[in-house]
């Protein structure tokens, strides 16, 4: 997971559920909730079937794009994950703690 958020040329849902064969909406929404991404959740509800990246990208801040980038890693739950400055875009203590907790859960649940 790089410092610079990388988005795919797809809709918000496909960016979050990339690589999953049967992405479960509840799983994705749970991760977004855990990361305190309420605005992204609302946007996801509005654009769940939209494949147009312009419908959501311009509406998110750099911090929110970084959150989507990080959330995608947690959704995919790969065997190996390398994080490069995962807290760099988060200034709120609560959100930084949520990211750290999610990273610990990812390791503990291997």
C-alpha atoms as a PDB file:
ATOM      1  CA  UNK A   1       0.000   0.000   0.000  1.00  0.00           C
ATOM      2  CA  UNK A   2       1.796   3.095  -1.212  1.00  0.00           C
ATOM      3  CA  UNK A   3       1.887   6.550   0.301  1.00  0.00           C
ATOM      4  CA  UNK A   4       0.250   8.016  -2.804  1.00  0.00           C
ATOM      5  CA  UNK A   5      -3.319   6.767  -3.215  1.00  0.00           C
ATOM      6  CA  UNK A   6      -3.777   4.757  -6.396  1.00  0.00           C
ATOM      7  CA  UNK A   7      -7.248   4.523  -7.877  1.00  0.00           C
ATOM      8  CA  UNK A   8      -8.401   2.245 -10.632  1.00  0.00           C
ATOM      9  CA  UNK A   9     -10.226   3.608 -13.659  1.00  0.00           C
ATOM     10  CA  UNK A  10     -13.506   2.251 -12.372  1.00  0.00           C
ATOM     11  CA  UNK A  11     -16.329   3.092 -10.039  1.00  0.00           C
ATOM     12  CA  UNK A  12     -15.944   3.428  -6.289  1.00  0.00           C
ATOM     13  CA  UNK A  13     -17.338  -0.053  -5.591  1.00  0.00           C
ATOM     14  CA  UNK A  14     -14.901  -1.679  -8.040  1.00  0.00           C
ATOM     15  CA  UNK A  15     -12.012   0.231  -6.443  1.00  0.00           C
ATOM     16  CA  UNK A  16     -12.930  -1.134  -3.035  1.00  0.00           C
ATOM     17  CA  UNK A  17     -13.791  -4.679  -4.125  1.00  0.00           C
ATOM     18  CA  UNK A  18     -10.951  -5.070  -6.655  1.00  0.00           C
ATOM     19  CA  UNK A  19      -9.700  -8.619  -6.984  1.00  0.00           C
ATOM     20  CA  UNK A  20     -12.557 -10.209  -5.075  1.00  0.00           C
ATOM     21  CA  UNK A  21     -14.727 -12.690  -6.861  1.00  0.00           C
ATOM     22  CA  UNK A  22     -17.719 -12.387  -4.572  1.00  0.00           C
ATOM     23  CA  UNK A  23     -17.192  -9.146  -2.709  1.00  0.00           C
ATOM     24  CA  UNK A  24     -19.667  -8.966   0.074  1.00  0.00           C
ATOM     25  CA  UNK A  25     -21.105  -5.529   0.504  1.00  0.00           C
ATOM     26  CA  UNK A  26     -21.422  -5.969   4.291  1.00  0.00           C
ATOM     27  CA  UNK A  27     -17.688  -6.735   4.575  1.00  0.00           C
ATOM     28  CA  UNK A  28     -16.731  -3.638   2.582  1.00  0.00           C
ATOM     29  CA  UNK A  29     -19.153  -1.452   4.526  1.00  0.00           C
ATOM     30  CA  UNK A  30     -17.842  -2.843   7.820  1.00  0.00           C
ATOM     31  CA  UNK A  31     -14.270  -1.923   6.914  1.00  0.00           C
ATOM     32  CA  UNK A  32     -15.360   1.566   5.871  1.00  0.00           C
ATOM     33  CA  UNK A  33     -17.194   1.953   9.192  1.00  0.00           C
ATOM     34  CA  UNK A  34     -14.160   0.716  11.138  1.00  0.00           C
ATOM     35  CA  UNK A  35     -11.985   3.283   9.356  1.00  0.00           C
ATOM     36  CA  UNK A  36     -14.512   6.046  10.162  1.00  0.00           C
ATOM     37  CA  UNK A  37     -15.196   6.666   6.462  1.00  0.00           C
ATOM     38  CA  UNK A  38     -18.817   7.814   6.725  1.00  0.00           C
ATOM     39  CA  UNK A  39     -18.655  10.202   3.770  1.00  0.00           C
ATOM     40  CA  UNK A  40     -17.214   7.487   1.521  1.00  0.00           C
ATOM     41  CA  UNK A  41     -19.967   5.117   2.704  1.00  0.00           C
ATOM     42  CA  UNK A  42     -22.602   7.646   1.699  1.00  0.00           C
ATOM     43  CA  UNK A  43     -20.953   8.161  -1.678  1.00  0.00           C
ATOM     44  CA  UNK A  44     -20.758   4.388  -2.159  1.00  0.00           C
ATOM     45  CA  UNK A  45     -24.509   4.111  -1.560  1.00  0.00           C
ATOM     46  CA  UNK A  46     -25.116   6.772  -4.195  1.00  0.00           C
ATOM     47  CA  UNK A  47     -22.833   5.228  -6.819  1.00  0.00           C
ATOM     48  CA  UNK A  48     -22.859   1.469  -6.165  1.00  0.00           C
ATOM     49  CA  UNK A  49     -23.620   0.596  -9.803  1.00  0.00           C
ATOM     50  CA  UNK A  50     -21.698   3.473 -11.369  1.00  0.00           C
ATOM     51  CA  UNK A  51     -18.537   2.529 -13.286  1.00  0.00           C
ATOM     52  CA  UNK A  52     -17.636   6.136 -14.067  1.00  0.00           C
ATOM     53  CA  UNK A  53     -14.661   7.290 -11.955  1.00  0.00           C
ATOM     54  CA  UNK A  54     -15.520  10.942 -12.533  1.00  0.00           C
ATOM     55  CA  UNK A  55     -18.740  10.469 -10.562  1.00  0.00           C
ATOM     56  CA  UNK A  56     -16.843  10.115  -7.276  1.00  0.00           C
ATOM     57  CA  UNK A  57     -13.119  10.920  -7.585  1.00  0.00           C
ATOM     58  CA  UNK A  58     -13.502  14.674  -7.760  1.00  0.00           C
ATOM     59  CA  UNK A  59     -15.763  14.624  -4.718  1.00  0.00           C
ATOM     60  CA  UNK A  60     -13.149  13.081  -2.402  1.00  0.00           C
ATOM     61  CA  UNK A  61     -10.244  14.835  -0.699  1.00  0.00           C
ATOM     62  CA  UNK A  62      -6.702  13.446  -0.835  1.00  0.00           C
ATOM     63  CA  UNK A  63      -7.238  12.063   2.671  1.00  0.00           C
ATOM     64  CA  UNK A  64     -10.433  10.307   1.571  1.00  0.00           C
ATOM     65  CA  UNK A  65      -8.732   8.890  -1.538  1.00  0.00           C
ATOM     66  CA  UNK A  66      -5.955   7.577   0.714  1.00  0.00           C
ATOM     67  CA  UNK A  67      -8.627   6.001   2.915  1.00  0.00           C
ATOM     68  CA  UNK A  68     -10.177   4.245  -0.092  1.00  0.00           C
ATOM     69  CA  UNK A  69      -6.728   3.031  -1.139  1.00  0.00           C
ATOM     70  CA  UNK A  70      -6.064   1.672   2.353  1.00  0.00           C
ATOM     71  CA  UNK A  71      -9.568   0.189   2.710  1.00  0.00           C
ATOM     72  CA  UNK A  72      -9.062  -1.751  -0.533  1.00  0.00           C
ATOM     73  CA  UNK A  73      -6.019  -3.452   1.024  1.00  0.00           C
ATOM     74  CA  UNK A  74      -8.049  -4.447   4.085  1.00  0.00           C
ATOM     75  CA  UNK A  75     -10.928  -5.710   1.916  1.00  0.00           C
ATOM     76  CA  UNK A  76      -8.559  -7.846  -0.172  1.00  0.00           C
ATOM     77  CA  UNK A  77      -6.845  -9.211   2.952  1.00  0.00           C
ATOM     78  CA  UNK A  78      -3.765 -10.482   1.094  1.00  0.00           C
ATOM     79  CA  UNK A  79      -1.276 -12.928   2.541  1.00  0.00           C
ATOM     80  CA  UNK A  80       1.444 -10.282   2.475  1.00  0.00           C
ATOM     81  CA  UNK A  81       0.876  -6.540   2.826  1.00  0.00           C
ATOM     82  CA  UNK A  82       3.556  -3.868   2.814  1.00  0.00           C
ATOM     83  CA  UNK A  83       2.466  -0.477   4.087  1.00  0.00           C
ATOM     84  CA  UNK A  84       4.395   2.663   3.164  1.00  0.00           C
ATOM     85  CA  UNK A  85       3.518   5.408   5.663  1.00  0.00           C
ATOM     86  CA  UNK A  86      -0.089   4.250   6.170  1.00  0.00           C
ATOM     87  CA  UNK A  87      -0.871   7.007   8.682  1.00  0.00           C
ATOM     88  CA  UNK A  88       0.548   9.910   6.671  1.00  0.00           C
ATOM     89  CA  UNK A  89      -2.832  11.224   5.501  1.00  0.00           C
ATOM     90  CA  UNK A  90      -4.609  10.867   8.841  1.00  0.00           C
ATOM     91  CA  UNK A  91      -4.379  13.640  11.396  1.00  0.00           C
ATOM     92  CA  UNK A  92      -7.242  12.730  13.726  1.00  0.00           C
ATOM     93  CA  UNK A  93      -6.078  10.525  16.594  1.00  0.00           C
ATOM     94  CA  UNK A  94      -9.264   8.438  16.415  1.00  0.00           C
ATOM     95  CA  UNK A  95      -8.770   7.596  12.755  1.00  0.00           C
ATOM     96  CA  UNK A  96      -5.056   6.871  13.216  1.00  0.00           C
ATOM     97  CA  UNK A  97      -5.957   4.456  16.029  1.00  0.00           C
ATOM     98  CA  UNK A  98      -8.599   2.817  13.792  1.00  0.00           C
ATOM     99  CA  UNK A  99      -6.002   2.256  11.037  1.00  0.00           C
ATOM    100  CA  UNK A 100      -3.520   0.804  13.534  1.00  0.00           C
ATOM    101  CA  UNK A 101      -6.218  -1.497  14.955  1.00  0.00           C
ATOM    102  CA  UNK A 102      -7.140  -2.682  11.450  1.00  0.00           C
ATOM    103  CA  UNK A 103      -3.482  -3.373  10.646  1.00  0.00           C
ATOM    104  CA  UNK A 104      -3.109  -5.371  13.883  1.00  0.00           C
ATOM    105  CA  UNK A 105      -6.298  -7.333  13.085  1.00  0.00           C
ATOM    106  CA  UNK A 106      -4.964  -8.107   9.612  1.00  0.00           C
ATOM    107  CA  UNK A 107      -1.823  -9.620  11.163  1.00  0.00           C
ATOM    108  CA  UNK A 108      -3.621 -11.392  14.005  1.00  0.00           C
ATOM    109  CA  UNK A 109      -6.177 -13.008  11.710  1.00  0.00           C
ATOM    110  CA  UNK A 110      -3.623 -14.604   9.392  1.00  0.00           C
END
